[in-house]
Amino acid sequence: MQGLSIDKIKVGDKTSVVKTIGESDVYLFAGITGDLNPAHTNQVTAKETIFKGRIAHGILVSGLISTCFGMQLPGPGTIYLSQNLKFTAPVHFGDTITAEIEAIEVIEDRNRVKFKTVCTNQDGKVVIDGEAMVMPPKKTA
């Protein structure tokens, strides 16, 4: 299976994925990365923060953007080159996040596509905002 080559991608093309972030997602991510910050893993401590409870790692949530690129647009074979992110609101356990990407520039001569990347929660609140650059798979014969 191979994703779309650059000649098949147009400005305005978009896709999204939706996932509810659960406690197990956060604990698995914490274990894999070693980021055991109490804001993510200790409810007693996290209750005392401005968030009033545990929140998901921002980078865990931003991983949904990678799912859009690697599985949908451009899809399998895509190389994720760069990403800037602004974390604008916390993601609490049980929040349902929609990650959406939209092509905003196609650079055919360099085989690059720039995307707007946004994650929103179930209330439509933006929790992550940014831009990314990817290299789609090469055209197959």
Protein backbone atom coordinates (compact mmCIF):
# COMPACT_ATOMS: atom_id res chain seq x y z
CA MET A 1 0.00 0.00 0.00
CA GLN A 2 1.33 3.45 -0.91
CA GLY A 3 0.02 6.93 -0.25
CA LEU A 4 -0.62 9.72 -2.72
CA SER A 5 2.26 11.15 -4.74
CA ILE A 6 2.67 14.91 -5.02
CA ASP A 7 0.81 15.13 -8.34
CA LYS A 8 -2.33 13.82 -6.61
CA ILE A 9 -2.33 16.37 -3.75
CA LYS A 10 -3.99 19.77 -4.06
CA VAL A 11 -4.16 22.83 -1.81
CA GLY A 12 -7.30 22.44 0.31
CA ASP A 13 -7.11 18.65 0.54
CA LYS A 14 -7.78 17.62 4.12
CA THR A 15 -8.43 14.69 6.38
CA SER A 16 -8.90 13.98 10.07
CA VAL A 17 -8.81 11.29 12.74
CA VAL A 18 -10.76 11.14 15.99
CA LYS A 19 -9.71 9.48 19.24
CA THR A 20 -10.85 9.58 22.84
CA ILE A 21 -7.79 9.93 25.07
CA GLY A 22 -7.96 7.45 27.92
CA GLU A 23 -5.99 6.88 31.08
CA SER A 24 -4.28 3.84 29.54
CA ASP A 25 -3.09 5.94 26.57
CA VAL A 26 -1.41 8.38 28.95
CA TYR A 27 0.17 5.68 31.12
CA LEU A 28 1.46 3.73 28.13
CA PHE A 29 2.96 6.91 26.65
CA ALA A 30 4.51 7.81 30.02
CA GLY A 31 6.06 4.36 30.27
CA ILE A 32 7.42 4.41 26.72
CA THR A 33 8.91 7.90 26.98
CA GLY A 34 9.81 7.97 30.67
CA ASP A 35 7.86 11.23 31.12
CA LEU A 36 6.24 10.49 34.45
CA ASN A 37 5.47 14.12 35.23
CA PRO A 38 2.85 14.16 38.01
CA ALA A 39 0.68 16.44 35.86
CA HIS A 40 0.03 13.30 33.80
CA THR A 41 0.36 10.46 36.30
CA ASN A 42 -0.56 11.58 39.82
CA GLN A 43 -4.14 12.72 40.43
CA VAL A 44 -3.45 13.94 43.98
CA THR A 45 -0.64 16.23 42.82
CA ALA A 46 -2.40 17.19 39.57
CA LYS A 47 -5.50 18.32 41.50
CA GLU A 48 -3.38 21.17 42.87
CA THR A 49 -2.41 22.48 39.40
CA ILE A 50 -4.25 25.04 37.28
CA PHE A 51 -5.76 22.09 35.38
CA LYS A 52 -7.41 20.61 38.51
CA GLY A 53 -6.50 17.05 37.50
CA ARG A 54 -4.33 14.92 35.26
CA ILE A 55 -3.87 15.92 31.63
CA ALA A 56 -2.52 14.09 28.61
CA HIS A 57 0.97 14.78 27.30
CA GLY A 58 0.78 17.35 24.51
CA ILE A 59 3.11 15.29 22.35
CA LEU A 60 0.90 12.22 22.80
CA VAL A 61 -2.06 14.19 21.47
CA SER A 62 -0.01 15.64 18.60
CA GLY A 63 0.76 12.07 17.55
CA LEU A 64 -2.73 11.97 16.05
CA ILE A 65 -1.45 14.42 13.42
CA SER A 66 1.16 11.83 12.47
CA THR A 67 -1.63 9.29 12.02
CA CYS A 68 -3.29 11.60 9.49
CA PHE A 69 -0.07 11.85 7.46
CA GLY A 70 1.08 8.26 7.69
CA MET A 71 -2.25 6.56 7.17
CA GLN A 72 -4.42 8.95 5.13
CA LEU A 73 -2.91 12.05 3.46
CA PRO A 74 -0.57 11.58 1.77
CA GLY A 75 -0.62 8.13 3.44
CA PRO A 76 1.80 5.20 3.70
CA GLY A 77 5.33 6.05 2.59
CA THR A 78 5.08 9.69 3.69
CA ILE A 79 8.11 11.16 5.46
CA TYR A 80 7.24 13.65 8.22
CA LEU A 81 9.92 16.36 7.93
CA SER A 82 9.00 19.12 10.38
CA GLN A 83 6.27 20.34 12.69
CA ASN A 84 5.67 23.42 14.78
CA LEU A 85 3.11 23.15 17.54
CA LYS A 86 1.36 25.52 19.89
CA PHE A 87 -0.38 23.84 22.81
CA THR A 88 -3.39 26.08 23.44
CA ALA A 89 -5.49 24.11 25.94
CA PRO A 90 -5.14 21.00 28.11
CA VAL A 91 -6.46 17.60 27.08
CA HIS A 92 -8.12 15.81 29.99
CA PHE A 93 -8.62 12.08 30.30
CA GLY A 94 -11.80 11.21 28.40
CA ASP A 95 -11.58 14.11 25.94
CA THR A 96 -12.32 13.20 22.34
CA ILE A 97 -9.78 14.81 20.05
CA THR A 98 -10.11 15.46 16.33
CA ALA A 99 -6.79 15.96 14.54
CA GLU A 100 -7.21 17.64 11.16
CA ILE A 101 -4.63 18.41 8.49
CA GLU A 102 -5.11 20.60 5.43
CA ALA A 103 -2.70 21.07 2.53
CA ILE A 104 -1.81 24.76 2.30
CA GLU A 105 1.15 24.63 -0.12
CA VAL A 106 2.30 22.07 -2.68
CA ILE A 107 5.96 22.41 -3.68
CA GLU A 108 6.19 19.98 -6.60
CA ASP A 109 9.81 20.64 -7.60
CA ARG A 110 10.97 19.68 -4.06
CA ASN A 111 8.35 16.95 -3.47
CA ARG A 112 7.10 18.71 -0.34
CA VAL A 113 3.66 19.62 1.00
CA LYS A 114 3.01 22.10 3.80
CA PHE A 115 -0.02 21.44 5.99
CA LYS A 116 -1.99 23.36 8.59
CA THR A 117 -2.42 21.07 11.58
CA VAL A 118 -5.11 21.50 14.24
CA CYS A 119 -6.40 19.37 17.10
CA THR A 120 -9.73 20.20 18.71
CA ASN A 121 -11.63 18.67 21.60
CA GLN A 122 -15.24 17.50 21.72
CA ASP A 123 -16.37 21.08 22.39
CA GLY A 124 -14.60 22.42 19.30
CA LYS A 125 -11.88 24.10 21.38
CA VAL A 126 -8.46 24.17 19.69
CA VAL A 127 -5.97 22.30 21.88
CA ILE A 128 -3.05 22.21 19.40
CA ASP A 129 -2.34 24.48 16.44
CA GLY A 130 0.56 24.34 14.01
CA GLU A 131 2.07 23.66 10.59
CA ALA A 132 3.96 20.70 9.20
CA MET A 133 6.04 19.81 6.17
CA VAL A 134 5.97 16.33 4.68
CA MET A 135 7.51 14.49 1.75
CA PRO A 136 4.91 12.34 -0.01
CA PRO A 137 5.90 9.00 -1.51
CA LYS A 138 7.38 9.09 -5.01
CA LYS A 139 5.19 8.26 -7.99
CA THR A 140 5.19 4.62 -8.89
CA ALA A 141 5.42 3.54 -12.50
